PDB file of N, CA and C in Angstrom:
ATOM      1  N   MET A   1     -37.112  17.878  -9.111  1.00  0.00           N
ATOM      2  CA  MET A   1     -37.059  16.771  -8.191  1.00  0.00           C
ATOM      3  C   MET A   1     -38.302  16.752  -7.300  1.00  0.00           C
ATOM      4  N   ILE A   2     -38.682  17.923  -6.814  1.00  0.00           N
ATOM      5  CA  ILE A   2     -39.850  18.005  -5.947  1.00  0.00           C
ATOM      6  C   ILE A   2     -41.098  17.549  -6.702  1.00  0.00           C
ATOM      7  N   ALA A   3     -41.199  17.949  -7.967  1.00  0.00           N
ATOM      8  CA  ALA A   3     -42.347  17.561  -8.784  1.00  0.00           C
ATOM      9  C   ALA A   3     -42.429  16.047  -8.965  1.00  0.00           C
ATOM     10  N   ASN A   4     -41.299  15.374  -8.853  1.00  0.00           N
ATOM     11  CA  ASN A   4     -41.258  13.918  -8.987  1.00  0.00           C
ATOM     12  C   ASN A   4     -41.319  13.199  -7.650  1.00  0.00           C
ATOM     13  N   GLY A   5     -41.618  13.941  -6.558  1.00  0.00           N
ATOM     14  CA  GLY A   5     -41.779  13.316  -5.248  1.00  0.00           C
ATOM     15  C   GLY A   5     -40.489  13.068  -4.496  1.00  0.00           C
ATOM     16  N   ILE A   6     -39.407  13.711  -4.919  1.00  0.00           N
ATOM     17  CA  ILE A   6     -38.122  13.547  -4.241  1.00  0.00           C
ATOM     18  C   ILE A   6     -37.928  14.715  -3.285  1.00  0.00           C
ATOM     19  N   SER A   7     -37.668  14.398  -2.012  1.00  0.00           N
ATOM     20  CA  SER A   7     -37.450  15.446  -1.014  1.00  0.00           C
ATOM     21  C   SER A   7     -36.111  16.129  -1.246  1.00  0.00           C
ATOM     22  N   VAL A   8     -36.095  17.425  -1.035  1.00  0.00           N
ATOM     23  CA  VAL A   8     -34.875  18.208  -1.169  1.00  0.00           C
ATOM     24  C   VAL A   8     -34.590  18.856   0.181  1.00  0.00           C
ATOM     25  N   VAL A   9     -33.374  18.680   0.680  1.00  0.00           N
ATOM     26  CA  VAL A   9     -32.986  19.265   1.959  1.00  0.00           C
ATOM     27  C   VAL A   9     -31.659  19.987   1.794  1.00  0.00           C
ATOM     28  N   GLN A  10     -31.336  20.820   2.768  1.00  0.00           N
ATOM     29  CA  GLN A  10     -30.089  21.575   2.737  1.00  0.00           C
ATOM     30  C   GLN A  10     -29.282  21.226   3.979  1.00  0.00           C
ATOM     31  N   VAL A  11     -28.039  20.827   3.771  1.00  0.00           N
ATOM     32  CA  VAL A  11     -27.130  20.523   4.868  1.00  0.00           C
ATOM     33  C   VAL A  11     -26.168  21.692   4.999  1.00  0.00           C
ATOM     34  N   ASN A  12     -26.035  22.189   6.216  1.00  0.00           N
ATOM     35  CA  ASN A  12     -25.166  23.320   6.486  1.00  0.00           C
ATOM     36  C   ASN A  12     -23.700  22.919   6.248  1.00  0.00           C
ATOM     37  N   PRO A  13     -22.979  23.649   5.399  1.00  0.00           N
ATOM     38  CA  PRO A  13     -21.572  23.327   5.152  1.00  0.00           C
ATOM     39  C   PRO A  13     -20.727  23.356   6.432  1.00  0.00           C
ATOM     40  N   TYR A  14     -21.100  24.202   7.367  1.00  0.00           N
ATOM     41  CA  TYR A  14     -20.368  24.256   8.633  1.00  0.00           C
ATOM     42  C   TYR A  14     -20.525  22.937   9.397  1.00  0.00           C
ATOM     43  N   ALA A  15     -21.720  22.334   9.340  1.00  0.00           N
ATOM     44  CA  ALA A  15     -21.941  21.043  10.000  1.00  0.00           C
ATOM     45  C   ALA A  15     -21.079  19.965   9.356  1.00  0.00           C
ATOM     46  N   VAL A  16     -20.933  20.010   8.032  1.00  0.00           N
ATOM     47  CA  VAL A  16     -20.080  19.049   7.336  1.00  0.00           C
ATOM     48  C   VAL A  16     -18.636  19.227   7.781  1.00  0.00           C
ATOM     49  N   LYS A  17     -18.192  20.462   7.859  1.00  0.00           N
ATOM     50  CA  LYS A  17     -16.814  20.745   8.277  1.00  0.00           C
ATOM     51  C   LYS A  17     -16.570  20.261   9.701  1.00  0.00           C
ATOM     52  N   GLN A  18     -17.491  20.560  10.597  1.00  0.00           N
ATOM     53  CA  GLN A  18     -17.330  20.155  11.993  1.00  0.00           C
ATOM     54  C   GLN A  18     -17.314  18.630  12.121  1.00  0.00           C
ATOM     55  N   THR A  19     -18.190  17.962  11.400  1.00  0.00           N
ATOM     56  CA  THR A  19     -18.242  16.499  11.443  1.00  0.00           C
ATOM     57  C   THR A  19     -16.951  15.904  10.917  1.00  0.00           C
ATOM     58  N   LYS A  20     -16.439  16.477   9.842  1.00  0.00           N
ATOM     59  CA  LYS A  20     -15.189  15.994   9.261  1.00  0.00           C
ATOM     60  C   LYS A  20     -14.045  16.136  10.258  1.00  0.00           C
ATOM     61  N   GLU A  21     -13.985  17.275  10.934  1.00  0.00           N
ATOM     62  CA  GLU A  21     -12.920  17.502  11.907  1.00  0.00           C
ATOM     63  C   GLU A  21     -13.038  16.549  13.092  1.00  0.00           C
ATOM     64  N   LEU A  22     -14.260  16.253  13.520  1.00  0.00           N
ATOM     65  CA  LEU A  22     -14.452  15.333  14.641  1.00  0.00           C
ATOM     66  C   LEU A  22     -14.075  13.902  14.269  1.00  0.00           C
ATOM     67  N   GLU A  23     -14.382  13.500  13.043  1.00  0.00           N
ATOM     68  CA  GLU A  23     -14.127  12.125  12.630  1.00  0.00           C
ATOM     69  C   GLU A  23     -12.646  11.821  12.447  1.00  0.00           C
ATOM     70  N   ASP A  24     -11.927  12.719  11.809  1.00  0.00           N
ATOM     71  CA  ASP A  24     -10.523  12.394  11.539  1.00  0.00           C
ATOM     72  C   ASP A  24      -9.544  13.472  11.999  1.00  0.00           C
ATOM     73  N   ASN A  25     -10.044  14.440  12.781  1.00  0.00           N
ATOM     74  CA  ASN A  25      -9.200  15.506  13.328  1.00  0.00           C
ATOM     75  C   ASN A  25      -8.393  16.192  12.230  1.00  0.00           C
ATOM     76  N   SER A  26      -9.033  16.413  11.090  1.00  0.00           N
ATOM     77  CA  SER A  26      -8.358  17.017   9.953  1.00  0.00           C
ATOM     78  C   SER A  26      -9.217  18.123   9.364  1.00  0.00           C
ATOM     79  N   GLN A  27      -8.572  19.177   8.887  1.00  0.00           N
ATOM     80  CA  GLN A  27      -9.274  20.259   8.223  1.00  0.00           C
ATOM     81  C   GLN A  27      -9.072  20.195   6.715  1.00  0.00           C
ATOM     82  N   ASP A  28      -8.470  19.103   6.243  1.00  0.00           N
ATOM     83  CA  ASP A  28      -8.202  18.955   4.821  1.00  0.00           C
ATOM     84  C   ASP A  28      -9.513  18.872   4.035  1.00  0.00           C
ATOM     85  N   ILE A  29      -9.482  19.443   2.848  1.00  0.00           N
ATOM     86  CA  ILE A  29     -10.618  19.331   1.943  1.00  0.00           C
ATOM     87  C   ILE A  29     -10.484  18.005   1.218  1.00  0.00           C
ATOM     88  N   ASN A  30     -11.540  17.200   1.297  1.00  0.00           N
ATOM     89  CA  ASN A  30     -11.508  15.883   0.668  1.00  0.00           C
ATOM     90  C   ASN A  30     -12.861  15.627   0.027  1.00  0.00           C
ATOM     91  N   ASP A  31     -12.949  15.857  -1.262  1.00  0.00           N
ATOM     92  CA  ASP A  31     -14.221  15.722  -1.967  1.00  0.00           C
ATOM     93  C   ASP A  31     -14.738  14.286  -1.993  1.00  0.00           C
ATOM     94  N   ARG A  32     -13.890  13.320  -1.756  1.00  0.00           N
ATOM     95  CA  ARG A  32     -14.341  11.931  -1.731  1.00  0.00           C
ATOM     96  C   ARG A  32     -15.055  11.616  -0.421  1.00  0.00           C
ATOM     97  N   LYS A  33     -14.680  12.267   0.648  1.00  0.00           N
ATOM     98  CA  LYS A  33     -15.265  11.996   1.954  1.00  0.00           C
ATOM     99  C   LYS A  33     -16.554  12.790   2.178  1.00  0.00           C
ATOM    100  N   ASP A  34     -16.681  13.957   1.585  1.00  0.00           N
ATOM    101  CA  ASP A  34     -17.830  14.835   1.829  1.00  0.00           C
ATOM    102  C   ASP A  34     -19.183  14.184   1.532  1.00  0.00           C
ATOM    103  N   PRO A  35     -19.375  13.484   0.417  1.00  0.00           N
ATOM    104  CA  PRO A  35     -20.692  12.892   0.167  1.00  0.00           C
ATOM    105  C   PRO A  35     -21.118  11.903   1.261  1.00  0.00           C
ATOM    106  N   LYS A  36     -20.174  11.136   1.775  1.00  0.00           N
ATOM    107  CA  LYS A  36     -20.495  10.186   2.842  1.00  0.00           C
ATOM    108  C   LYS A  36     -20.893  10.938   4.116  1.00  0.00           C
ATOM    109  N   LEU A  37     -20.165  11.996   4.441  1.00  0.00           N
ATOM    110  CA  LEU A  37     -20.496  12.786   5.624  1.00  0.00           C
ATOM    111  C   LEU A  37     -21.866  13.437   5.482  1.00  0.00           C
ATOM    112  N   ILE A  38     -22.153  13.970   4.307  1.00  0.00           N
ATOM    113  CA  ILE A  38     -23.455  14.611   4.061  1.00  0.00           C
ATOM    114  C   ILE A  38     -24.569  13.580   4.172  1.00  0.00           C
ATOM    115  N   ALA A  39     -24.367  12.400   3.612  1.00  0.00           N
ATOM    116  CA  ALA A  39     -25.385  11.347   3.699  1.00  0.00           C
ATOM    117  C   ALA A  39     -25.642  10.963   5.157  1.00  0.00           C
ATOM    118  N   ASN A  40     -24.593  10.883   5.944  1.00  0.00           N
ATOM    119  CA  ASN A  40     -24.759  10.549   7.357  1.00  0.00           C
ATOM    120  C   ASN A  40     -25.493  11.654   8.109  1.00  0.00           C
ATOM    121  N   LEU A  41     -25.216  12.906   7.789  1.00  0.00           N
ATOM    122  CA  LEU A  41     -25.925  14.012   8.433  1.00  0.00           C
ATOM    123  C   LEU A  41     -27.410  13.982   8.082  1.00  0.00           C
ATOM    124  N   VAL A  42     -27.735  13.681   6.834  1.00  0.00           N
ATOM    125  CA  VAL A  42     -29.139  13.583   6.428  1.00  0.00           C
ATOM    126  C   VAL A  42     -29.802  12.405   7.142  1.00  0.00           C
ATOM    127  N   LYS A  43     -29.083  11.302   7.226  1.00  0.00           N
ATOM    128  CA  LYS A  43     -29.601  10.111   7.911  1.00  0.00           C
ATOM    129  C   LYS A  43     -29.909  10.411   9.381  1.00  0.00           C
ATOM    130  N   GLU A  44     -29.096  11.259   9.992  1.00  0.00           N
ATOM    131  CA  GLU A  44     -29.272  11.627  11.395  1.00  0.00           C
ATOM    132  C   GLU A  44     -30.196  12.826  11.575  1.00  0.00           C
ATOM    133  N   ASN A  45     -30.883  13.218  10.496  1.00  0.00           N
ATOM    134  CA  ASN A  45     -31.837  14.338  10.513  1.00  0.00           C
ATOM    135  C   ASN A  45     -31.197  15.659  10.915  1.00  0.00           C
ATOM    136  N   MET A  46     -29.981  15.888  10.489  1.00  0.00           N
ATOM    137  CA  MET A  46     -29.295  17.147  10.779  1.00  0.00           C
ATOM    138  C   MET A  46     -29.274  18.008   9.521  1.00  0.00           C
ATOM    139  N   TYR A  47     -30.459  18.440   9.109  1.00  0.00           N
ATOM    140  CA  TYR A  47     -30.592  19.238   7.897  1.00  0.00           C
ATOM    141  C   TYR A  47     -31.787  20.177   8.046  1.00  0.00           C
ATOM    142  N   GLU A  48     -31.934  21.061   7.057  1.00  0.00           N
ATOM    143  CA  GLU A  48     -33.065  21.989   7.021  1.00  0.00           C
ATOM    144  C   GLU A  48     -33.843  21.744   5.740  1.00  0.00           C
ATOM    145  N   TYR A  49     -35.150  22.039   5.793  1.00  0.00           N
ATOM    146  CA  TYR A  49     -35.989  21.927   4.590  1.00  0.00           C
ATOM    147  C   TYR A  49     -35.873  23.165   3.769  1.00  0.00           C
TER     148      TYR A  49
END
């Protein structure tokens, strides 16, 4: 991906968990919701290179 000019970043799983709990006050694992939360964290620049 990097060779093709696509940036690669790492989102902390703990940040995803905390965001999920804040949004819906739930600790349930929901694989359908996680991609949206991760995309929002990247959009808000809450990631590491």
